Amino acid sequence: MPHDDDVTVEPVKGLPEDLPPGEVILWQGRPSVWPLLREALSLNWVLGYFALLIVWRVGVSTTTLPLGQALLTGLPFLILAGVVTAILYLIALAQARATVYTITSERIAMRIGAALTITLNLPFPKIAAADLSLSRNGTGTIALRTMGQARLSYMILWPHVRPWHLKETQPALRCIPDAAKVAAILAEAAETRVSRPTLERVAIAHPGAVAAE
């Protein structure tokens, strides 16, 4: 899935160096902006918070003002909600545009970071399992459980991590379109790479849920 709007000096888009002989790219993609905004930046919770503030402010004002004037007292909170939403959208947009997820015949690579760009390489033999969380529209997140003693920073990888798994950080391909198709590509590539399946499973959770451990 090439992205022609990428401007990069990388030898291969999304990768810090040329592919070794015999390694091929099977899939590339990036997060969808609005799902990333809702899931990683908690847009719905933010809007819910402002909605409660508006209801509270208008409700209090109706005790001393006519309803029409009371409604106007909620306007500053409505404007502030719009400003915060715009800021969060720009953050999600910057994160999405800076990200390239790559599945090759040998590994998963994640070029991430809007301010400080890093590339995380995860060879298939180092991946213990992949869990798919799928939404009704087909967008989903594939969380990766790694093997070995490697310590990954939740803060450095955020938002490209499985939410709330702070002790054992799980890198994740967040909010990608056609996630079930991508999971199938990943599972097939991993099984082809090694004599036994590297991934214990690619579990499809109920919409909005995270696959059970």
N, C-alpha and C. Protein backbone atom coordinates (compact mmCIF):
# COMPACT_ATOMS: atom_id res chain seq x y z
N MET A 1 0.85 -1.19 0.00
CA MET A 1 0.00 0.00 0.00
C MET A 1 0.88 1.24 0.00
N PRO A 2 1.39 1.65 -1.10
CA PRO A 2 2.27 2.80 -1.12
C PRO A 2 1.53 4.07 -0.82
N HIS A 3 2.25 5.01 -0.24
CA HIS A 3 1.68 6.32 0.07
C HIS A 3 2.53 7.35 -0.65
N ASP A 4 2.04 7.86 -1.76
CA ASP A 4 2.82 8.75 -2.60
C ASP A 4 3.10 10.08 -1.95
N ASP A 5 2.34 10.42 -0.88
CA ASP A 5 2.55 11.71 -0.25
C ASP A 5 3.69 11.68 0.75
N ASP A 6 4.30 10.51 0.98
CA ASP A 6 5.43 10.42 1.88
C ASP A 6 6.63 11.12 1.27
N VAL A 7 7.29 11.96 2.06
CA VAL A 7 8.53 12.58 1.64
C VAL A 7 9.61 12.07 2.59
N THR A 8 10.52 11.26 2.09
CA THR A 8 11.47 10.58 2.96
C THR A 8 12.77 10.36 2.24
N VAL A 9 13.84 10.25 3.04
CA VAL A 9 15.15 9.94 2.48
C VAL A 9 15.53 8.51 2.82
N GLU A 10 14.58 7.72 3.28
CA GLU A 10 14.84 6.33 3.63
C GLU A 10 15.20 5.54 2.37
N PRO A 11 16.13 4.59 2.48
CA PRO A 11 16.45 3.72 1.33
C PRO A 11 15.22 2.99 0.82
N VAL A 12 14.41 2.51 1.75
CA VAL A 12 13.12 1.89 1.44
C VAL A 12 12.10 2.53 2.35
N LYS A 13 10.97 2.97 1.82
CA LYS A 13 9.97 3.66 2.63
C LYS A 13 9.60 2.83 3.85
N GLY A 14 9.75 3.44 5.03
CA GLY A 14 9.40 2.77 6.26
C GLY A 14 10.51 1.95 6.87
N LEU A 15 11.64 1.83 6.18
CA LEU A 15 12.75 1.01 6.67
C LEU A 15 14.04 1.83 6.67
N PRO A 16 14.93 1.58 7.64
CA PRO A 16 16.16 2.38 7.74
C PRO A 16 17.26 1.96 6.78
N GLU A 17 17.08 0.82 6.11
CA GLU A 17 18.10 0.32 5.20
C GLU A 17 17.46 -0.54 4.12
N ASP A 18 18.24 -0.84 3.08
CA ASP A 18 17.72 -1.69 2.01
C ASP A 18 17.41 -3.09 2.53
N LEU A 19 16.45 -3.73 1.89
CA LEU A 19 16.11 -5.09 2.28
C LEU A 19 17.24 -6.05 1.94
N PRO A 20 17.53 -7.00 2.83
CA PRO A 20 18.52 -8.03 2.49
C PRO A 20 18.03 -8.87 1.32
N PRO A 21 18.94 -9.54 0.61
CA PRO A 21 18.54 -10.40 -0.51
C PRO A 21 17.53 -11.45 -0.05
N GLY A 22 16.48 -11.60 -0.82
CA GLY A 22 15.47 -12.61 -0.53
C GLY A 22 14.32 -12.12 0.32
N GLU A 23 14.47 -10.98 0.99
CA GLU A 23 13.38 -10.44 1.81
C GLU A 23 12.50 -9.52 0.97
N VAL A 24 11.19 -9.69 1.09
CA VAL A 24 10.26 -8.89 0.29
C VAL A 24 9.21 -8.27 1.19
N ILE A 25 8.70 -7.14 0.78
CA ILE A 25 7.62 -6.47 1.50
C ILE A 25 6.29 -7.08 1.10
N LEU A 26 5.52 -7.50 2.10
CA LEU A 26 4.22 -8.12 1.86
C LEU A 26 3.07 -7.13 2.05
N TRP A 27 3.28 -6.17 2.93
CA TRP A 27 2.21 -5.19 3.22
C TRP A 27 2.82 -3.98 3.89
N GLN A 28 2.28 -2.81 3.58
CA GLN A 28 2.60 -1.58 4.28
C GLN A 28 1.32 -0.79 4.51
N GLY A 29 1.28 -0.09 5.63
CA GLY A 29 0.11 0.73 5.92
C GLY A 29 0.39 1.65 7.09
N ARG A 30 -0.64 2.37 7.49
CA ARG A 30 -0.52 3.31 8.60
C ARG A 30 -1.88 3.40 9.30
N PRO A 31 -1.93 4.00 10.48
CA PRO A 31 -3.21 4.11 11.19
C PRO A 31 -4.20 5.00 10.43
N SER A 32 -5.48 4.70 10.61
CA SER A 32 -6.53 5.60 10.16
C SER A 32 -6.68 6.70 11.20
N VAL A 33 -6.83 7.93 10.74
CA VAL A 33 -6.76 9.08 11.65
C VAL A 33 -7.90 9.08 12.66
N TRP A 34 -9.15 8.96 12.19
CA TRP A 34 -10.28 9.09 13.13
C TRP A 34 -10.33 7.94 14.13
N PRO A 35 -10.14 6.68 13.73
CA PRO A 35 -10.06 5.62 14.75
C PRO A 35 -8.92 5.85 15.75
N LEU A 36 -7.77 6.34 15.28
CA LEU A 36 -6.66 6.63 16.18
C LEU A 36 -7.04 7.75 17.15
N LEU A 37 -7.77 8.74 16.65
CA LEU A 37 -8.22 9.85 17.48
C LEU A 37 -9.16 9.36 18.57
N ARG A 38 -10.07 8.46 18.21
CA ARG A 38 -11.03 7.95 19.20
C ARG A 38 -10.38 7.01 20.21
N GLU A 39 -9.54 6.10 19.72
CA GLU A 39 -9.02 5.05 20.59
C GLU A 39 -7.78 5.48 21.38
N ALA A 40 -6.81 6.06 20.70
CA ALA A 40 -5.56 6.41 21.37
C ALA A 40 -5.66 7.73 22.13
N LEU A 41 -6.40 8.68 21.59
CA LEU A 41 -6.51 10.01 22.20
C LEU A 41 -7.83 10.22 22.93
N SER A 42 -8.63 9.16 23.00
CA SER A 42 -9.85 9.15 23.84
C SER A 42 -10.80 10.29 23.51
N LEU A 43 -11.05 10.53 22.23
CA LEU A 43 -11.91 11.65 21.84
C LEU A 43 -13.29 11.55 22.45
N ASN A 44 -13.87 10.36 22.47
CA ASN A 44 -15.23 10.22 22.98
C ASN A 44 -15.31 10.59 24.46
N TRP A 45 -14.29 10.23 25.23
CA TRP A 45 -14.27 10.59 26.65
C TRP A 45 -14.12 12.09 26.82
N VAL A 46 -13.29 12.70 26.00
CA VAL A 46 -13.08 14.15 26.07
C VAL A 46 -14.38 14.89 25.77
N LEU A 47 -15.06 14.47 24.70
CA LEU A 47 -16.32 15.11 24.34
C LEU A 47 -17.38 14.87 25.40
N GLY A 48 -17.38 13.68 25.98
CA GLY A 48 -18.32 13.39 27.06
C GLY A 48 -18.10 14.29 28.26
N TYR A 49 -16.83 14.55 28.57
CA TYR A 49 -16.50 15.44 29.68
C TYR A 49 -17.03 16.85 29.43
N PHE A 50 -16.83 17.36 28.23
CA PHE A 50 -17.31 18.70 27.91
C PHE A 50 -18.84 18.74 27.88
N ALA A 51 -19.46 17.66 27.43
CA ALA A 51 -20.92 17.60 27.42
C ALA A 51 -21.47 17.71 28.84
N LEU A 52 -20.83 17.03 29.79
CA LEU A 52 -21.26 17.13 31.19
C LEU A 52 -21.08 18.54 31.73
N LEU A 53 -19.96 19.18 31.36
CA LEU A 53 -19.74 20.55 31.80
C LEU A 53 -20.82 21.50 31.28
N ILE A 54 -21.18 21.31 30.01
CA ILE A 54 -22.20 22.17 29.40
C ILE A 54 -23.55 21.96 30.08
N VAL A 55 -23.92 20.69 30.28
CA VAL A 55 -25.20 20.41 30.94
C VAL A 55 -25.22 20.99 32.34
N TRP A 56 -24.11 20.83 33.07
CA TRP A 56 -24.04 21.38 34.43
C TRP A 56 -24.16 22.90 34.42
N ARG A 57 -23.42 23.56 33.53
CA ARG A 57 -23.41 25.02 33.51
C ARG A 57 -24.79 25.57 33.12
N VAL A 58 -25.40 24.96 32.12
CA VAL A 58 -26.73 25.41 31.70
C VAL A 58 -27.75 25.14 32.81
N GLY A 59 -27.63 23.96 33.43
CA GLY A 59 -28.57 23.61 34.50
C GLY A 59 -28.50 24.58 35.66
N VAL A 60 -27.29 24.94 36.06
CA VAL A 60 -27.13 25.91 37.15
C VAL A 60 -27.68 27.28 36.74
N SER A 61 -27.43 27.66 35.49
CA SER A 61 -27.84 28.99 35.03
C SER A 61 -29.35 29.13 34.94
N THR A 62 -30.06 28.03 34.70
CA THR A 62 -31.52 28.11 34.57
C THR A 62 -32.20 28.50 35.88
N THR A 63 -31.49 28.40 36.98
CA THR A 63 -32.08 28.79 38.27
C THR A 63 -32.17 30.30 38.42
N THR A 64 -31.39 31.03 37.62
CA THR A 64 -31.40 32.50 37.74
C THR A 64 -31.66 33.21 36.42
N LEU A 65 -31.61 32.48 35.31
CA LEU A 65 -31.76 33.09 33.99
C LEU A 65 -32.84 32.39 33.19
N PRO A 66 -33.46 33.10 32.23
CA PRO A 66 -34.37 32.43 31.29
C PRO A 66 -33.59 31.36 30.50
N LEU A 67 -34.31 30.37 29.98
CA LEU A 67 -33.67 29.24 29.32
C LEU A 67 -32.78 29.69 28.17
N GLY A 68 -33.24 30.65 27.36
CA GLY A 68 -32.45 31.10 26.21
C GLY A 68 -31.10 31.65 26.63
N GLN A 69 -31.09 32.46 27.68
CA GLN A 69 -29.83 33.02 28.18
C GLN A 69 -28.98 31.95 28.87
N ALA A 70 -29.65 31.01 29.53
CA ALA A 70 -28.92 29.93 30.20
C ALA A 70 -28.16 29.07 29.19
N LEU A 71 -28.79 28.85 28.04
CA LEU A 71 -28.13 28.06 27.02
C LEU A 71 -26.85 28.73 26.54
N LEU A 72 -26.86 30.06 26.50
CA LEU A 72 -25.67 30.79 26.04
C LEU A 72 -24.49 30.63 27.00
N THR A 73 -24.77 30.34 28.26
CA THR A 73 -23.67 30.17 29.21
C THR A 73 -22.85 28.91 28.93
N GLY A 74 -23.43 27.99 28.18
CA GLY A 74 -22.69 26.78 27.81
C GLY A 74 -21.83 26.97 26.57
N LEU A 75 -22.00 28.12 25.87
CA LEU A 75 -21.28 28.35 24.62
C LEU A 75 -19.75 28.34 24.80
N PRO A 76 -19.19 28.98 25.84
CA PRO A 76 -17.72 28.92 25.99
C PRO A 76 -17.18 27.50 26.09
N PHE A 77 -17.91 26.62 26.79
CA PHE A 77 -17.47 25.22 26.90
C PHE A 77 -17.56 24.51 25.55
N LEU A 78 -18.60 24.86 24.76
CA LEU A 78 -18.74 24.27 23.43
C LEU A 78 -17.58 24.69 22.53
N ILE A 79 -17.21 25.96 22.59
CA ILE A 79 -16.08 26.46 21.80
C ILE A 79 -14.78 25.78 22.24
N LEU A 80 -14.61 25.67 23.55
CA LEU A 80 -13.40 25.02 24.07
C LEU A 80 -13.33 23.55 23.63
N ALA A 81 -14.48 22.88 23.62
CA ALA A 81 -14.51 21.49 23.15
C ALA A 81 -14.08 21.40 21.70
N GLY A 82 -14.51 22.37 20.88
CA GLY A 82 -14.10 22.38 19.48
C GLY A 82 -12.61 22.60 19.32
N VAL A 83 -12.04 23.49 20.15
CA VAL A 83 -10.60 23.76 20.08
C VAL A 83 -9.80 22.53 20.49
N VAL A 84 -10.21 21.88 21.57
CA VAL A 84 -9.51 20.68 22.04
C VAL A 84 -9.61 19.57 21.01
N THR A 85 -10.79 19.40 20.41
CA THR A 85 -10.95 18.38 19.37
C THR A 85 -10.03 18.64 18.19
N ALA A 86 -9.91 19.90 17.79
CA ALA A 86 -9.03 20.26 16.67
C ALA A 86 -7.58 19.94 17.00
N ILE A 87 -7.16 20.24 18.23
CA ILE A 87 -5.78 19.96 18.64
C ILE A 87 -5.52 18.46 18.63
N LEU A 88 -6.46 17.68 19.20
CA LEU A 88 -6.29 16.23 19.23
C LEU A 88 -6.28 15.65 17.82
N TYR A 89 -7.11 16.22 16.93
CA TYR A 89 -7.12 15.74 15.56
C TYR A 89 -5.76 15.97 14.89
N LEU A 90 -5.18 17.13 15.11
CA LEU A 90 -3.87 17.43 14.51
C LEU A 90 -2.80 16.48 15.05
N ILE A 91 -2.89 16.14 16.34
CA ILE A 91 -1.94 15.18 16.91
C ILE A 91 -2.10 13.82 16.26
N ALA A 92 -3.36 13.36 16.13
CA ALA A 92 -3.61 12.07 15.50
C ALA A 92 -3.16 12.07 14.04
N LEU A 93 -3.42 13.17 13.34
CA LEU A 93 -3.01 13.27 11.94
C LEU A 93 -1.49 13.20 11.81
N ALA A 94 -0.78 13.93 12.68
CA ALA A 94 0.69 13.91 12.63
C ALA A 94 1.22 12.52 12.93
N GLN A 95 0.64 11.84 13.92
CA GLN A 95 1.08 10.49 14.24
C GLN A 95 0.83 9.53 13.08
N ALA A 96 -0.34 9.64 12.47
CA ALA A 96 -0.67 8.73 11.37
C ALA A 96 0.24 8.96 10.17
N ARG A 97 0.48 10.21 9.82
CA ARG A 97 1.29 10.51 8.64
C ARG A 97 2.76 10.16 8.86
N ALA A 98 3.22 10.17 10.11
CA ALA A 98 4.61 9.86 10.38
C ALA A 98 4.86 8.35 10.48
N THR A 99 3.79 7.58 10.47
CA THR A 99 3.90 6.14 10.73
C THR A 99 3.87 5.33 9.45
N VAL A 100 4.73 4.32 9.40
CA VAL A 100 4.65 3.30 8.35
C VAL A 100 4.84 1.95 9.02
N TYR A 101 3.82 1.11 8.96
CA TYR A 101 3.93 -0.27 9.42
C TYR A 101 4.29 -1.13 8.22
N THR A 102 5.23 -2.04 8.40
CA THR A 102 5.67 -2.90 7.30
C THR A 102 5.71 -4.35 7.75
N ILE A 103 5.12 -5.22 6.96
CA ILE A 103 5.27 -6.67 7.14
C ILE A 103 6.07 -7.19 5.96
N THR A 104 7.20 -7.80 6.24
CA THR A 104 8.00 -8.42 5.18
C THR A 104 7.95 -9.94 5.35
N SER A 105 8.67 -10.63 4.52
CA SER A 105 8.73 -12.09 4.63
C SER A 105 9.55 -12.54 5.84
N GLU A 106 10.21 -11.58 6.55
CA GLU A 106 11.08 -11.94 7.66
C GLU A 106 10.71 -11.27 8.98
N ARG A 107 9.96 -10.18 8.95
CA ARG A 107 9.81 -9.39 10.17
C ARG A 107 8.63 -8.41 10.05
N ILE A 108 8.39 -7.75 11.17
CA ILE A 108 7.51 -6.59 11.22
C ILE A 108 8.38 -5.38 11.57
N ALA A 109 8.24 -4.32 10.81
CA ALA A 109 8.97 -3.08 11.09
C ALA A 109 7.96 -1.98 11.32
N MET A 110 8.24 -1.13 12.30
CA MET A 110 7.35 -0.03 12.64
C MET A 110 8.16 1.26 12.65
N ARG A 111 7.95 2.10 11.64
CA ARG A 111 8.56 3.42 11.65
C ARG A 111 7.55 4.37 12.28
N ILE A 112 7.88 4.89 13.45
CA ILE A 112 6.91 5.65 14.24
C ILE A 112 7.56 6.92 14.78
N GLY A 113 6.73 7.83 15.25
CA GLY A 113 7.21 9.04 15.91
C GLY A 113 7.05 10.27 15.06
N ALA A 114 6.16 11.18 15.51
CA ALA A 114 5.95 12.43 14.78
C ALA A 114 7.06 13.43 15.04
N ALA A 115 7.59 13.44 16.29
CA ALA A 115 8.66 14.37 16.65
C ALA A 115 10.02 13.70 16.55
N LEU A 116 10.16 12.55 17.21
CA LEU A 116 11.40 11.77 17.18
C LEU A 116 11.10 10.45 16.49
N THR A 117 11.60 10.29 15.28
CA THR A 117 11.30 9.10 14.48
C THR A 117 12.23 7.96 14.85
N ILE A 118 11.64 6.78 15.12
CA ILE A 118 12.42 5.58 15.36
C ILE A 118 11.83 4.45 14.52
N THR A 119 12.62 3.42 14.28
CA THR A 119 12.14 2.23 13.58
C THR A 119 12.35 1.02 14.47
N LEU A 120 11.27 0.32 14.76
CA LEU A 120 11.32 -0.89 15.58
C LEU A 120 11.24 -2.10 14.66
N ASN A 121 12.25 -2.98 14.74
CA ASN A 121 12.27 -4.20 13.95
C ASN A 121 11.95 -5.40 14.83
N LEU A 122 10.98 -6.19 14.44
CA LEU A 122 10.57 -7.37 15.19
C LEU A 122 10.63 -8.60 14.28
N PRO A 123 11.74 -9.34 14.29
CA PRO A 123 11.82 -10.58 13.49
C PRO A 123 10.77 -11.57 13.96
N PHE A 124 10.24 -12.36 13.05
CA PHE A 124 9.18 -13.31 13.41
C PHE A 124 9.57 -14.26 14.54
N PRO A 125 10.82 -14.77 14.59
CA PRO A 125 11.15 -15.68 15.70
C PRO A 125 11.09 -15.01 17.07
N LYS A 126 11.05 -13.69 17.13
CA LYS A 126 10.98 -12.97 18.40
C LYS A 126 9.55 -12.62 18.78
N ILE A 127 8.57 -13.00 17.97
CA ILE A 127 7.17 -12.70 18.24
C ILE A 127 6.47 -13.96 18.74
N ALA A 128 5.95 -13.92 19.96
CA ALA A 128 5.30 -15.08 20.54
C ALA A 128 3.85 -15.23 20.08
N ALA A 129 3.16 -14.10 19.93
CA ALA A 129 1.75 -14.16 19.55
C ALA A 129 1.30 -12.80 19.04
N ALA A 130 0.24 -12.83 18.26
CA ALA A 130 -0.38 -11.59 17.78
C ALA A 130 -1.87 -11.66 18.07
N ASP A 131 -2.42 -10.61 18.66
CA ASP A 131 -3.83 -10.57 19.01
C ASP A 131 -4.52 -9.45 18.24
N LEU A 132 -5.60 -9.80 17.60
CA LEU A 132 -6.33 -8.84 16.77
C LEU A 132 -7.58 -8.37 17.48
N SER A 133 -7.73 -7.06 17.61
CA SER A 133 -8.96 -6.45 18.11
C SER A 133 -9.62 -5.77 16.92
N LEU A 134 -10.82 -6.19 16.59
CA LEU A 134 -11.47 -5.78 15.35
C LEU A 134 -12.74 -5.00 15.63
N SER A 135 -12.93 -3.89 14.94
CA SER A 135 -14.16 -3.11 15.05
C SER A 135 -15.12 -3.48 13.93
N ARG A 136 -16.33 -2.99 14.02
CA ARG A 136 -17.36 -3.37 13.06
C ARG A 136 -17.06 -2.89 11.64
N ASN A 137 -16.32 -1.80 11.52
CA ASN A 137 -16.03 -1.28 10.17
C ASN A 137 -14.79 -1.89 9.54
N GLY A 138 -14.20 -2.86 10.22
CA GLY A 138 -13.02 -3.53 9.66
C GLY A 138 -11.70 -2.98 10.13
N THR A 139 -11.73 -1.79 10.74
CA THR A 139 -10.50 -1.24 11.30
C THR A 139 -10.16 -2.00 12.58
N GLY A 140 -8.87 -2.20 12.81
CA GLY A 140 -8.49 -2.95 14.00
C GLY A 140 -7.06 -2.72 14.40
N THR A 141 -6.68 -3.34 15.51
CA THR A 141 -5.33 -3.24 16.05
C THR A 141 -4.77 -4.63 16.24
N ILE A 142 -3.53 -4.82 15.80
CA ILE A 142 -2.83 -6.09 15.99
C ILE A 142 -1.73 -5.86 17.02
N ALA A 143 -1.90 -6.44 18.20
CA ALA A 143 -0.93 -6.31 19.28
C ALA A 143 0.03 -7.49 19.23
N LEU A 144 1.32 -7.22 19.47
CA LEU A 144 2.37 -8.22 19.33
C LEU A 144 2.99 -8.52 20.68
N ARG A 145 2.96 -9.79 21.06
CA ARG A 145 3.64 -10.21 22.29
C ARG A 145 5.01 -10.76 21.91
N THR A 146 6.03 -10.17 22.47
CA THR A 146 7.39 -10.53 22.10
C THR A 146 7.97 -11.56 23.07
N MET A 147 8.98 -12.29 22.61
CA MET A 147 9.69 -13.25 23.43
C MET A 147 11.03 -12.66 23.85
N GLY A 148 11.65 -13.27 24.87
CA GLY A 148 12.96 -12.82 25.30
C GLY A 148 12.86 -11.77 26.39
N GLN A 149 14.00 -11.18 26.69
CA GLN A 149 14.11 -10.24 27.79
C GLN A 149 14.13 -8.78 27.35
N ALA A 150 13.85 -8.53 26.08
CA ALA A 150 13.89 -7.15 25.59
C ALA A 150 12.86 -6.30 26.31
N ARG A 151 13.28 -5.13 26.79
CA ARG A 151 12.39 -4.21 27.48
C ARG A 151 12.04 -3.07 26.54
N LEU A 152 10.76 -2.91 26.28
CA LEU A 152 10.29 -1.86 25.37
C LEU A 152 9.60 -0.77 26.18
N SER A 153 9.86 0.46 25.83
CA SER A 153 9.28 1.60 26.55
C SER A 153 7.88 1.90 26.05
N TYR A 154 6.92 1.87 26.96
CA TYR A 154 5.53 2.19 26.63
C TYR A 154 5.42 3.63 26.15
N MET A 155 6.11 4.54 26.84
CA MET A 155 6.00 5.96 26.51
C MET A 155 6.62 6.27 25.15
N ILE A 156 7.75 5.64 24.83
CA ILE A 156 8.40 5.91 23.56
C ILE A 156 7.58 5.36 22.40
N LEU A 157 6.96 4.19 22.60
CA LEU A 157 6.19 3.57 21.52
C LEU A 157 4.77 4.12 21.39
N TRP A 158 4.22 4.73 22.45
CA TRP A 158 2.85 5.23 22.40
C TRP A 158 2.68 6.19 21.21
N PRO A 159 1.56 6.11 20.47
CA PRO A 159 0.37 5.30 20.71
C PRO A 159 0.39 3.93 20.04
N HIS A 160 1.55 3.50 19.59
CA HIS A 160 1.65 2.24 18.84
C HIS A 160 1.89 1.07 19.79
N VAL A 161 1.02 0.97 20.80
CA VAL A 161 1.12 -0.06 21.81
C VAL A 161 -0.29 -0.55 22.15
N ARG A 162 -0.34 -1.72 22.77
CA ARG A 162 -1.61 -2.22 23.28
C ARG A 162 -1.97 -1.45 24.55
N PRO A 163 -3.14 -0.84 24.61
CA PRO A 163 -3.46 0.03 25.75
C PRO A 163 -3.41 -0.70 27.08
N TRP A 164 -2.86 0.00 28.09
CA TRP A 164 -2.86 -0.40 29.50
C TRP A 164 -1.95 -1.58 29.82
N HIS A 165 -1.19 -2.08 28.86
CA HIS A 165 -0.22 -3.13 29.16
C HIS A 165 1.13 -2.46 29.44
N LEU A 166 1.25 -1.94 30.64
CA LEU A 166 2.41 -1.13 31.00
C LEU A 166 3.59 -1.99 31.44
N LYS A 167 3.32 -3.07 32.15
CA LYS A 167 4.40 -3.89 32.67
C LYS A 167 5.13 -4.63 31.55
N GLU A 168 4.38 -5.23 30.66
CA GLU A 168 4.96 -5.91 29.49
C GLU A 168 4.41 -5.22 28.24
N THR A 169 5.16 -4.24 27.78
CA THR A 169 4.71 -3.44 26.64
C THR A 169 4.55 -4.30 25.40
N GLN A 170 3.41 -4.15 24.74
CA GLN A 170 3.16 -4.89 23.52
C GLN A 170 3.05 -3.91 22.35
N PRO A 171 4.04 -3.90 21.45
CA PRO A 171 3.93 -3.05 20.26
C PRO A 171 2.68 -3.43 19.48
N ALA A 172 2.09 -2.46 18.80
CA ALA A 172 0.83 -2.74 18.11
C ALA A 172 0.74 -1.95 16.81
N LEU A 173 0.16 -2.59 15.82
CA LEU A 173 -0.23 -1.91 14.59
C LEU A 173 -1.61 -1.34 14.86
N ARG A 174 -1.68 -0.06 15.22
CA ARG A 174 -2.90 0.54 15.73
C ARG A 174 -3.81 1.03 14.62
N CYS A 175 -5.11 0.71 14.77
CA CYS A 175 -6.18 1.32 13.99
C CYS A 175 -5.93 1.24 12.49
N ILE A 176 -5.57 0.06 12.00
CA ILE A 176 -5.28 -0.11 10.58
C ILE A 176 -6.53 -0.58 9.83
N PRO A 177 -6.72 -0.11 8.61
CA PRO A 177 -7.87 -0.58 7.80
C PRO A 177 -7.68 -2.04 7.41
N ASP A 178 -8.79 -2.73 7.15
CA ASP A 178 -8.75 -4.13 6.71
C ASP A 178 -7.85 -4.97 7.62
N ALA A 179 -8.05 -4.82 8.92
CA ALA A 179 -7.14 -5.44 9.88
C ALA A 179 -7.17 -6.97 9.80
N ALA A 180 -8.32 -7.56 9.53
CA ALA A 180 -8.39 -9.02 9.44
C ALA A 180 -7.54 -9.54 8.27
N LYS A 181 -7.56 -8.82 7.16
CA LYS A 181 -6.74 -9.20 6.01
C LYS A 181 -5.25 -9.08 6.34
N VAL A 182 -4.88 -8.01 7.04
CA VAL A 182 -3.48 -7.82 7.42
C VAL A 182 -3.05 -8.92 8.39
N ALA A 183 -3.92 -9.29 9.33
CA ALA A 183 -3.61 -10.36 10.27
C ALA A 183 -3.37 -11.68 9.55
N ALA A 184 -4.15 -11.93 8.50
CA ALA A 184 -3.96 -13.15 7.73
C ALA A 184 -2.61 -13.14 7.01
N ILE A 185 -2.24 -12.00 6.46
CA ILE A 185 -0.93 -11.87 5.81
C ILE A 185 0.19 -12.12 6.81
N LEU A 186 0.04 -11.55 8.01
CA LEU A 186 1.05 -11.71 9.05
C LEU A 186 1.18 -13.17 9.47
N ALA A 187 0.05 -13.84 9.71
CA ALA A 187 0.10 -15.23 10.15
C ALA A 187 0.73 -16.13 9.09
N GLU A 188 0.35 -15.91 7.83
CA GLU A 188 0.92 -16.74 6.76
C GLU A 188 2.41 -16.51 6.61
N ALA A 189 2.84 -15.26 6.71
CA ALA A 189 4.27 -14.95 6.58
C ALA A 189 5.07 -15.57 7.71
N ALA A 190 4.54 -15.50 8.94
CA ALA A 190 5.25 -16.05 10.08
C ALA A 190 5.36 -17.57 9.99
N GLU A 191 4.30 -18.22 9.56
CA GLU A 191 4.32 -19.68 9.45
C GLU A 191 5.26 -20.13 8.34
N THR A 192 5.35 -19.34 7.29
CA THR A 192 6.26 -19.67 6.20
C THR A 192 7.71 -19.48 6.61
N ARG A 193 7.97 -18.51 7.48
CA ARG A 193 9.33 -18.14 7.86
C ARG A 193 10.00 -19.22 8.70
N VAL A 194 9.26 -19.90 9.56
CA VAL A 194 9.85 -20.87 10.48
C VAL A 194 9.20 -22.23 10.30
N SER A 195 9.85 -23.26 10.81
CA SER A 195 9.35 -24.62 10.64
C SER A 195 8.09 -24.87 11.45
N ARG A 196 7.94 -24.17 12.58
CA ARG A 196 6.71 -24.25 13.37
C ARG A 196 6.08 -22.87 13.39
N PRO A 197 4.77 -22.77 13.58
CA PRO A 197 4.15 -21.45 13.61
C PRO A 197 4.74 -20.60 14.73
N THR A 198 5.25 -19.43 14.38
CA THR A 198 5.78 -18.52 15.39
C THR A 198 4.66 -17.92 16.21
N LEU A 199 3.57 -17.59 15.56
CA LEU A 199 2.45 -16.98 16.27
C LEU A 199 1.57 -18.07 16.87
N GLU A 200 1.32 -17.97 18.15
CA GLU A 200 0.42 -18.92 18.78
C GLU A 200 -0.96 -18.83 18.15
N ARG A 201 -1.35 -17.62 17.83
CA ARG A 201 -2.66 -17.42 17.23
C ARG A 201 -2.77 -15.97 16.79
N VAL A 202 -3.70 -15.71 15.92
CA VAL A 202 -4.14 -14.36 15.65
C VAL A 202 -5.61 -14.36 15.99
N ALA A 203 -5.94 -13.89 17.17
CA ALA A 203 -7.29 -14.02 17.70
C ALA A 203 -8.13 -12.84 17.31
N ILE A 204 -9.33 -13.09 16.80
CA ILE A 204 -10.26 -12.03 16.44
C ILE A 204 -11.23 -11.83 17.60
N ALA A 205 -11.14 -10.68 18.23
CA ALA A 205 -11.98 -10.37 19.37
C ALA A 205 -13.30 -9.80 18.88
N HIS A 206 -14.25 -9.71 19.82
CA HIS A 206 -15.51 -9.03 19.53
C HIS A 206 -15.22 -7.57 19.23
N PRO A 207 -16.05 -6.94 18.40
CA PRO A 207 -15.81 -5.52 18.09
C PRO A 207 -15.62 -4.70 19.35
N GLY A 208 -14.53 -3.93 19.36
CA GLY A 208 -14.26 -3.05 20.48
C GLY A 208 -13.58 -3.70 21.66
N ALA A 209 -13.34 -5.03 21.57
CA ALA A 209 -12.72 -5.73 22.68
C ALA A 209 -11.28 -6.04 22.36
N VAL A 210 -10.55 -6.49 23.37
CA VAL A 210 -9.17 -6.92 23.17
C VAL A 210 -9.13 -8.42 23.36
N ALA A 211 -8.40 -9.11 22.51
CA ALA A 211 -8.35 -10.57 22.59
C ALA A 211 -7.85 -11.02 23.95
N ALA A 212 -8.42 -12.09 24.44
CA ALA A 212 -8.04 -12.60 25.76
C ALA A 212 -6.63 -13.13 25.74
N GLU A 213 -5.96 -13.00 26.88
CA GLU A 213 -4.59 -13.52 26.99
C GLU A 213 -4.63 -15.04 27.09
